[in-house]
Amino acid sequence: MDLNPYTMDPNLPLKPPPPGISSNFDDPDLSNQRQLVAAVAISLALALFLLLTRLYTRIFLVGSVGSDDCMSCEACSAPSRSS
C-alpha cells in the first residue's frame, strides 16, 4: 500500500474495515454523542460548584485568597477562551 499523500485517494479509507464492519464516512454512527455531552456537562457543573465552594470558603471563612485560588480560577476559565 502506497502511503504517499500525493498518490493516495482521499475518498478511500487507509485500511479496509474489520470483517463484519462497513465504513460509513458520509453518515457516521453518533450513538455515544448524548452520553458524551451529558458527561461533559455534569463534569463541568461539578467542577464549577467545587471551585465556587472553595472560593467561598477561602474568602468568607478563612479570610484570605492565595495565588493557588487565582490559578484555579484561571484554569477554570481557560477552556472557554481556547476557541
PDB file of N, CA and C in Angstrom:
ATOM      1  N   MET A   1       0.850  -1.174   0.000  1.00  0.00           N
ATOM      2  CA  MET A   1       0.000   0.000   0.000  1.00  0.00           C
ATOM      3  C   MET A   1       0.894   1.235   0.000  1.00  0.00           C
ATOM      4  N   ASP A   2       0.626   2.137  -0.904  1.00  0.00           N
ATOM      5  CA  ASP A   2       1.418   3.352  -1.039  1.00  0.00           C
ATOM      6  C   ASP A   2       0.906   4.393  -0.044  1.00  0.00           C
ATOM      7  N   LEU A   3       1.769   4.867   0.862  1.00  0.00           N
ATOM      8  CA  LEU A   3       1.369   5.851   1.862  1.00  0.00           C
ATOM      9  C   LEU A   3       1.777   7.266   1.470  1.00  0.00           C
ATOM     10  N   ASN A   4       2.140   7.470   0.237  1.00  0.00           N
ATOM     11  CA  ASN A   4       2.491   8.797  -0.235  1.00  0.00           C
ATOM     12  C   ASN A   4       1.221   9.644  -0.301  1.00  0.00           C
ATOM     13  N   PRO A   5       1.166  10.795   0.410  1.00  0.00           N
ATOM     14  CA  PRO A   5      -0.072  11.588   0.430  1.00  0.00           C
ATOM     15  C   PRO A   5      -0.444  12.168  -0.927  1.00  0.00           C
ATOM     16  N   TYR A   6       0.503  12.236  -1.869  1.00  0.00           N
ATOM     17  CA  TYR A   6       0.204  12.799  -3.182  1.00  0.00           C
ATOM     18  C   TYR A   6      -0.430  11.773  -4.120  1.00  0.00           C
ATOM     19  N   THR A   7      -0.271  10.493  -3.807  1.00  0.00           N
ATOM     20  CA  THR A   7      -0.850   9.455  -4.661  1.00  0.00           C
ATOM     21  C   THR A   7      -2.018   8.738  -3.997  1.00  0.00           C
ATOM     22  N   MET A   8      -2.296   9.003  -2.741  1.00  0.00           N
ATOM     23  CA  MET A   8      -3.410   8.358  -2.043  1.00  0.00           C
ATOM     24  C   MET A   8      -4.736   8.975  -2.473  1.00  0.00           C
ATOM     25  N   ASP A   9      -5.777   8.173  -2.492  1.00  0.00           N
ATOM     26  CA  ASP A   9      -7.114   8.660  -2.803  1.00  0.00           C
ATOM     27  C   ASP A   9      -7.768   9.128  -1.501  1.00  0.00           C
ATOM     28  N   PRO A  10      -8.097  10.432  -1.361  1.00  0.00           N
ATOM     29  CA  PRO A  10      -8.663  10.927  -0.103  1.00  0.00           C
ATOM     30  C   PRO A  10     -10.076  10.446   0.164  1.00  0.00           C
ATOM     31  N   ASN A  11     -10.720   9.821  -0.810  1.00  0.00           N
ATOM     32  CA  ASN A  11     -12.086   9.338  -0.628  1.00  0.00           C
ATOM     33  C   ASN A  11     -12.152   7.890  -0.169  1.00  0.00           C
ATOM     34  N   LEU A  12     -11.005   7.254  -0.029  1.00  0.00           N
ATOM     35  CA  LEU A  12     -10.958   5.864   0.409  1.00  0.00           C
ATOM     36  C   LEU A  12     -10.277   5.775   1.771  1.00  0.00           C
ATOM     37  N   PRO A  13     -10.690   4.815   2.609  1.00  0.00           N
ATOM     38  CA  PRO A  13     -10.008   4.647   3.896  1.00  0.00           C
ATOM     39  C   PRO A  13      -8.590   4.118   3.686  1.00  0.00           C
ATOM     40  N   LEU A  14      -7.728   4.363   4.666  1.00  0.00           N
ATOM     41  CA  LEU A  14      -6.346   3.910   4.578  1.00  0.00           C
ATOM     42  C   LEU A  14      -6.263   2.392   4.625  1.00  0.00           C
ATOM     43  N   LYS A  15      -7.077   1.794   5.495  1.00  0.00           N
ATOM     44  CA  LYS A  15      -7.113   0.335   5.617  1.00  0.00           C
ATOM     45  C   LYS A  15      -8.555  -0.125   5.469  1.00  0.00           C
ATOM     46  N   PRO A  16      -8.769  -1.336   5.015  1.00  0.00           N
ATOM     47  CA  PRO A  16     -10.147  -1.843   4.949  1.00  0.00           C
ATOM     48  C   PRO A  16     -10.683  -2.091   6.361  1.00  0.00           C
ATOM     49  N   PRO A  17     -11.996  -1.980   6.556  1.00  0.00           N
ATOM     50  CA  PRO A  17     -12.563  -2.202   7.893  1.00  0.00           C
ATOM     51  C   PRO A  17     -12.462  -3.671   8.288  1.00  0.00           C
ATOM     52  N   PRO A  18     -12.570  -3.963   9.580  1.00  0.00           N
ATOM     53  CA  PRO A  18     -12.553  -5.357  10.033  1.00  0.00           C
ATOM     54  C   PRO A  18     -13.743  -6.131   9.459  1.00  0.00           C
ATOM     55  N   PRO A  19     -13.670  -7.437   9.462  1.00  0.00           N
ATOM     56  CA  PRO A  19     -14.788  -8.243   8.950  1.00  0.00           C
ATOM     57  C   PRO A  19     -16.073  -7.962   9.733  1.00  0.00           C
ATOM     58  N   GLY A  20     -17.153  -7.779   9.025  1.00  0.00           N
ATOM     59  CA  GLY A  20     -18.449  -7.526   9.653  1.00  0.00           C
ATOM     60  C   GLY A  20     -18.738  -6.061   9.890  1.00  0.00           C
ATOM     61  N   ILE A  21     -17.789  -5.177   9.618  1.00  0.00           N
ATOM     62  CA  ILE A  21     -17.954  -3.740   9.812  1.00  0.00           C
ATOM     63  C   ILE A  21     -17.876  -3.065   8.453  1.00  0.00           C
ATOM     64  N   SER A  22     -18.741  -2.083   8.237  1.00  0.00           N
ATOM     65  CA  SER A  22     -18.684  -1.351   6.971  1.00  0.00           C
ATOM     66  C   SER A  22     -18.302   0.102   7.252  1.00  0.00           C
ATOM     67  N   SER A  23     -17.497   0.676   6.384  1.00  0.00           N
ATOM     68  CA  SER A  23     -17.097   2.075   6.519  1.00  0.00           C
ATOM     69  C   SER A  23     -18.262   2.977   6.140  1.00  0.00           C
ATOM     70  N   ASN A  24     -18.480   4.026   6.930  1.00  0.00           N
ATOM     71  CA  ASN A  24     -19.551   4.970   6.654  1.00  0.00           C
ATOM     72  C   ASN A  24     -19.041   6.367   6.999  1.00  0.00           C
ATOM     73  N   PHE A  25     -18.445   7.031   6.020  1.00  0.00           N
ATOM     74  CA  PHE A  25     -17.906   8.360   6.252  1.00  0.00           C
ATOM     75  C   PHE A  25     -18.918   9.461   5.971  1.00  0.00           C
ATOM     76  N   ASP A  26     -19.981   9.165   5.254  1.00  0.00           N
ATOM     77  CA  ASP A  26     -20.989  10.169   4.923  1.00  0.00           C
ATOM     78  C   ASP A  26     -21.960  10.422   6.071  1.00  0.00           C
ATOM     79  N   ASP A  27     -22.370   9.371   6.766  1.00  0.00           N
ATOM     80  CA  ASP A  27     -23.324   9.495   7.866  1.00  0.00           C
ATOM     81  C   ASP A  27     -22.863   8.584   9.004  1.00  0.00           C
ATOM     82  N   PRO A  28     -21.833   8.991   9.760  1.00  0.00           N
ATOM     83  CA  PRO A  28     -21.298   8.096  10.790  1.00  0.00           C
ATOM     84  C   PRO A  28     -22.265   7.914  11.963  1.00  0.00           C
ATOM     85  N   ASP A  29     -22.118   6.810  12.639  1.00  0.00           N
ATOM     86  CA  ASP A  29     -22.944   6.498  13.802  1.00  0.00           C
ATOM     87  C   ASP A  29     -22.468   7.335  14.980  1.00  0.00           C
ATOM     88  N   LEU A  30     -23.340   8.161  15.522  1.00  0.00           N
ATOM     89  CA  LEU A  30     -23.015   9.015  16.666  1.00  0.00           C
ATOM     90  C   LEU A  30     -23.832   8.593  17.879  1.00  0.00           C
ATOM     91  N   SER A  31     -23.890   7.294  18.137  1.00  0.00           N
ATOM     92  CA  SER A  31     -24.744   6.780  19.203  1.00  0.00           C
ATOM     93  C   SER A  31     -24.276   7.207  20.591  1.00  0.00           C
ATOM     94  N   ASN A  32     -23.006   7.528  20.758  1.00  0.00           N
ATOM     95  CA  ASN A  32     -22.499   7.921  22.078  1.00  0.00           C
ATOM     96  C   ASN A  32     -22.498   9.425  22.284  1.00  0.00           C
ATOM     97  N   GLN A  33     -23.049  10.175  21.352  1.00  0.00           N
ATOM     98  CA  GLN A  33     -22.985  11.625  21.438  1.00  0.00           C
ATOM     99  C   GLN A  33     -23.741  12.163  22.649  1.00  0.00           C
ATOM    100  N   ARG A  34     -24.917  11.665  22.912  1.00  0.00           N
ATOM    101  CA  ARG A  34     -25.704  12.153  24.060  1.00  0.00           C
ATOM    102  C   ARG A  34     -25.005  11.850  25.381  1.00  0.00           C
ATOM    103  N   GLN A  35     -24.432  10.657  25.494  1.00  0.00           N
ATOM    104  CA  GLN A  35     -23.734  10.300  26.729  1.00  0.00           C
ATOM    105  C   GLN A  35     -22.505  11.181  26.925  1.00  0.00           C
ATOM    106  N   LEU A  36     -21.813  11.480  25.843  1.00  0.00           N
ATOM    107  CA  LEU A  36     -20.624  12.325  25.946  1.00  0.00           C
ATOM    108  C   LEU A  36     -20.998  13.741  26.361  1.00  0.00           C
ATOM    109  N   VAL A  37     -22.023  14.299  25.756  1.00  0.00           N
ATOM    110  CA  VAL A  37     -22.460  15.648  26.119  1.00  0.00           C
ATOM    111  C   VAL A  37     -22.934  15.676  27.569  1.00  0.00           C
ATOM    112  N   ALA A  38     -23.657  14.672  27.999  1.00  0.00           N
ATOM    113  CA  ALA A  38     -24.126  14.622  29.387  1.00  0.00           C
ATOM    114  C   ALA A  38     -22.960  14.514  30.362  1.00  0.00           C
ATOM    115  N   ALA A  39     -21.973  13.679  30.044  1.00  0.00           N
ATOM    116  CA  ALA A  39     -20.814  13.527  30.932  1.00  0.00           C
ATOM    117  C   ALA A  39     -20.012  14.818  31.036  1.00  0.00           C
ATOM    118  N   VAL A  40     -19.828  15.517  29.923  1.00  0.00           N
ATOM    119  CA  VAL A  40     -19.090  16.779  29.949  1.00  0.00           C
ATOM    120  C   VAL A  40     -19.869  17.830  30.730  1.00  0.00           C
ATOM    121  N   ALA A  41     -21.175  17.913  30.539  1.00  0.00           N
ATOM    122  CA  ALA A  41     -21.996  18.895  31.241  1.00  0.00           C
ATOM    123  C   ALA A  41     -21.994  18.642  32.748  1.00  0.00           C
ATOM    124  N   ILE A  42     -22.122  17.388  33.152  1.00  0.00           N
ATOM    125  CA  ILE A  42     -22.111  17.059  34.582  1.00  0.00           C
ATOM    126  C   ILE A  42     -20.739  17.348  35.186  1.00  0.00           C
ATOM    127  N   SER A  43     -19.677  17.002  34.479  1.00  0.00           N
ATOM    128  CA  SER A  43     -18.330  17.267  34.984  1.00  0.00           C
ATOM    129  C   SER A  43     -18.064  18.763  35.114  1.00  0.00           C
ATOM    130  N   LEU A  44     -18.503  19.532  34.137  1.00  0.00           N
ATOM    131  CA  LEU A  44     -18.311  20.975  34.190  1.00  0.00           C
ATOM    132  C   LEU A  44     -19.099  21.597  35.331  1.00  0.00           C
ATOM    133  N   ALA A  45     -20.336  21.162  35.517  1.00  0.00           N
ATOM    134  CA  ALA A  45     -21.148  21.692  36.610  1.00  0.00           C
ATOM    135  C   ALA A  45     -20.541  21.342  37.970  1.00  0.00           C
ATOM    136  N   LEU A  46     -20.054  20.123  38.114  1.00  0.00           N
ATOM    137  CA  LEU A  46     -19.429  19.710  39.372  1.00  0.00           C
ATOM    138  C   LEU A  46     -18.146  20.493  39.639  1.00  0.00           C
ATOM    139  N   ALA A  47     -17.332  20.677  38.607  1.00  0.00           N
ATOM    140  CA  ALA A  47     -16.087  21.435  38.775  1.00  0.00           C
ATOM    141  C   ALA A  47     -16.368  22.882  39.140  1.00  0.00           C
ATOM    142  N   LEU A  48     -17.371  23.484  38.518  1.00  0.00           N
ATOM    143  CA  LEU A  48     -17.723  24.863  38.840  1.00  0.00           C
ATOM    144  C   LEU A  48     -18.265  24.975  40.259  1.00  0.00           C
ATOM    145  N   PHE A  49     -19.091  24.029  40.667  1.00  0.00           N
ATOM    146  CA  PHE A  49     -19.605  24.024  42.035  1.00  0.00           C
ATOM    147  C   PHE A  49     -18.473  23.908  43.055  1.00  0.00           C
ATOM    148  N   LEU A  50     -17.532  23.009  42.800  1.00  0.00           N
ATOM    149  CA  LEU A  50     -16.411  22.845  43.733  1.00  0.00           C
ATOM    150  C   LEU A  50     -15.511  24.067  43.765  1.00  0.00           C
ATOM    151  N   LEU A  51     -15.302  24.711  42.618  1.00  0.00           N
ATOM    152  CA  LEU A  51     -14.499  25.925  42.597  1.00  0.00           C
ATOM    153  C   LEU A  51     -15.175  27.038  43.383  1.00  0.00           C
ATOM    154  N   LEU A  52     -16.478  27.206  43.190  1.00  0.00           N
ATOM    155  CA  LEU A  52     -17.195  28.250  43.928  1.00  0.00           C
ATOM    156  C   LEU A  52     -17.225  27.956  45.424  1.00  0.00           C
ATOM    157  N   THR A  53     -17.338  26.689  45.794  1.00  0.00           N
ATOM    158  CA  THR A  53     -17.285  26.314  47.209  1.00  0.00           C
ATOM    159  C   THR A  53     -15.917  26.634  47.799  1.00  0.00           C
ATOM    160  N   ARG A  54     -14.865  26.345  47.062  1.00  0.00           N
ATOM    161  CA  ARG A  54     -13.502  26.650  47.517  1.00  0.00           C
ATOM    162  C   ARG A  54     -13.314  28.159  47.688  1.00  0.00           C
ATOM    163  N   LEU A  55     -13.765  28.928  46.700  1.00  0.00           N
ATOM    164  CA  LEU A  55     -13.610  30.385  46.799  1.00  0.00           C
ATOM    165  C   LEU A  55     -14.420  30.954  47.962  1.00  0.00           C
ATOM    166  N   TYR A  56     -15.643  30.466  48.153  1.00  0.00           N
ATOM    167  CA  TYR A  56     -16.456  30.929  49.281  1.00  0.00           C
ATOM    168  C   TYR A  56     -15.753  30.643  50.604  1.00  0.00           C
ATOM    169  N   THR A  57     -15.200  29.433  50.717  1.00  0.00           N
ATOM    170  CA  THR A  57     -14.502  29.056  51.948  1.00  0.00           C
ATOM    171  C   THR A  57     -13.288  29.948  52.181  1.00  0.00           C
ATOM    172  N   ARG A  58     -12.506  30.169  51.143  1.00  0.00           N
ATOM    173  CA  ARG A  58     -11.296  30.979  51.301  1.00  0.00           C
ATOM    174  C   ARG A  58     -11.613  32.445  51.577  1.00  0.00           C
ATOM    175  N   ILE A  59     -12.648  32.993  50.948  1.00  0.00           N
ATOM    176  CA  ILE A  59     -12.944  34.418  51.119  1.00  0.00           C
ATOM    177  C   ILE A  59     -13.672  34.689  52.422  1.00  0.00           C
ATOM    178  N   PHE A  60     -14.728  33.945  52.723  1.00  0.00           N
ATOM    179  CA  PHE A  60     -15.586  34.274  53.853  1.00  0.00           C
ATOM    180  C   PHE A  60     -15.219  33.542  55.144  1.00  0.00           C
ATOM    181  N   LEU A  61     -14.649  32.348  55.067  1.00  0.00           N
ATOM    182  CA  LEU A  61     -14.325  31.618  56.287  1.00  0.00           C
ATOM    183  C   LEU A  61     -12.863  31.790  56.683  1.00  0.00           C
ATOM    184  N   VAL A  62     -11.957  31.666  55.742  1.00  0.00           N
ATOM    185  CA  VAL A  62     -10.533  31.818  56.040  1.00  0.00           C
ATOM    186  C   VAL A  62     -10.147  33.286  56.027  1.00  0.00           C
ATOM    187  N   GLY A  63     -10.674  34.042  55.085  1.00  0.00           N
ATOM    188  CA  GLY A  63     -10.419  35.471  55.040  1.00  0.00           C
ATOM    189  C   GLY A  63      -9.254  35.888  54.169  1.00  0.00           C
ATOM    190  N   SER A  64      -8.649  34.964  53.465  1.00  0.00           N
ATOM    191  CA  SER A  64      -7.545  35.338  52.575  1.00  0.00           C
ATOM    192  C   SER A  64      -7.613  34.483  51.310  1.00  0.00           C
ATOM    193  N   VAL A  65      -7.191  35.109  50.236  1.00  0.00           N
ATOM    194  CA  VAL A  65      -7.154  34.412  48.954  1.00  0.00           C
ATOM    195  C   VAL A  65      -5.697  34.280  48.556  1.00  0.00           C
ATOM    196  N   GLY A  66      -5.300  33.070  48.187  1.00  0.00           N
ATOM    197  CA  GLY A  66      -3.918  32.834  47.805  1.00  0.00           C
ATOM    198  C   GLY A  66      -3.753  32.758  46.295  1.00  0.00           C
ATOM    199  N   SER A  67      -2.511  32.630  45.895  1.00  0.00           N
ATOM    200  CA  SER A  67      -2.232  32.536  44.464  1.00  0.00           C
ATOM    201  C   SER A  67      -2.795  31.238  43.870  1.00  0.00           C
ATOM    202  N   ASP A  68      -2.905  30.192  44.695  1.00  0.00           N
ATOM    203  CA  ASP A  68      -3.487  28.946  44.197  1.00  0.00           C
ATOM    204  C   ASP A  68      -4.955  29.115  43.825  1.00  0.00           C
ATOM    205  N   ASP A  69      -5.666  29.992  44.550  1.00  0.00           N
ATOM    206  CA  ASP A  69      -7.064  30.264  44.210  1.00  0.00           C
ATOM    207  C   ASP A  69      -7.157  31.029  42.896  1.00  0.00           C
ATOM    208  N   CYS A  70      -6.254  31.964  42.705  1.00  0.00           N
ATOM    209  CA  CYS A  70      -6.240  32.714  41.446  1.00  0.00           C
ATOM    210  C   CYS A  70      -5.922  31.788  40.279  1.00  0.00           C
ATOM    211  N   MET A  71      -4.996  30.875  40.485  1.00  0.00           N
ATOM    212  CA  MET A  71      -4.651  29.927  39.416  1.00  0.00           C
ATOM    213  C   MET A  71      -5.801  28.955  39.150  1.00  0.00           C
ATOM    214  N   SER A  72      -6.570  28.598  40.187  1.00  0.00           N
ATOM    215  CA  SER A  72      -7.734  27.734  39.988  1.00  0.00           C
ATOM    216  C   SER A  72      -8.781  28.433  39.131  1.00  0.00           C
ATOM    217  N   CYS A  73      -9.002  29.712  39.389  1.00  0.00           N
ATOM    218  CA  CYS A  73      -9.964  30.484  38.567  1.00  0.00           C
ATOM    219  C   CYS A  73      -9.444  30.611  37.137  1.00  0.00           C
ATOM    220  N   GLU A  74      -8.161  30.834  36.991  1.00  0.00           N
ATOM    221  CA  GLU A  74      -7.570  30.935  35.659  1.00  0.00           C
ATOM    222  C   GLU A  74      -7.702  29.620  34.904  1.00  0.00           C
ATOM    223  N   ALA A  75      -7.443  28.516  35.578  1.00  0.00           N
ATOM    224  CA  ALA A  75      -7.555  27.200  34.940  1.00  0.00           C
ATOM    225  C   ALA A  75      -8.997  26.887  34.565  1.00  0.00           C
ATOM    226  N   CYS A  76      -9.929  27.321  35.372  1.00  0.00           N
ATOM    227  CA  CYS A  76     -11.333  27.054  35.075  1.00  0.00           C
ATOM    228  C   CYS A  76     -11.825  27.894  33.903  1.00  0.00           C
ATOM    229  N   SER A  77     -11.276  29.073  33.743  1.00  0.00           N
ATOM    230  CA  SER A  77     -11.723  29.942  32.648  1.00  0.00           C
ATOM    231  C   SER A  77     -10.958  29.703  31.358  1.00  0.00           C
ATOM    232  N   ALA A  78      -9.846  28.995  31.400  1.00  0.00           N
ATOM    233  CA  ALA A  78      -9.016  28.787  30.211  1.00  0.00           C
ATOM    234  C   ALA A  78      -9.729  28.031  29.093  1.00  0.00           C
ATOM    235  N   PRO A  79     -10.493  26.956  29.353  1.00  0.00           N
ATOM    236  CA  PRO A  79     -11.151  26.262  28.241  1.00  0.00           C
ATOM    237  C   PRO A  79     -12.156  27.130  27.491  1.00  0.00           C
ATOM    238  N   SER A  80     -12.775  28.077  28.164  1.00  0.00           N
ATOM    239  CA  SER A  80     -13.765  28.922  27.475  1.00  0.00           C
ATOM    240  C   SER A  80     -13.093  29.933  26.568  1.00  0.00           C
ATOM    241  N   ARG A  81     -11.813  30.216  26.763  1.00  0.00           N
ATOM    242  CA  ARG A  81     -11.111  31.176  25.926  1.00  0.00           C
ATOM    243  C   ARG A  81     -10.299  30.508  24.827  1.00  0.00           C
ATOM    244  N   SER A  82     -10.318  29.190  24.754  1.00  0.00           N
ATOM    245  CA  SER A  82      -9.474  28.498  23.777  1.00  0.00           C
ATOM    246  C   SER A  82     -10.046  28.504  22.373  1.00  0.00           C
ATOM    247  N   SER A  83     -11.330  28.759  22.226  1.00  0.00           N
ATOM    248  CA  SER A  83     -11.903  28.711  20.877  1.00  0.00           C
ATOM    249  C   SER A  83     -12.104  30.090  20.292  1.00  0.00           C
TER     250      SER A  83
END
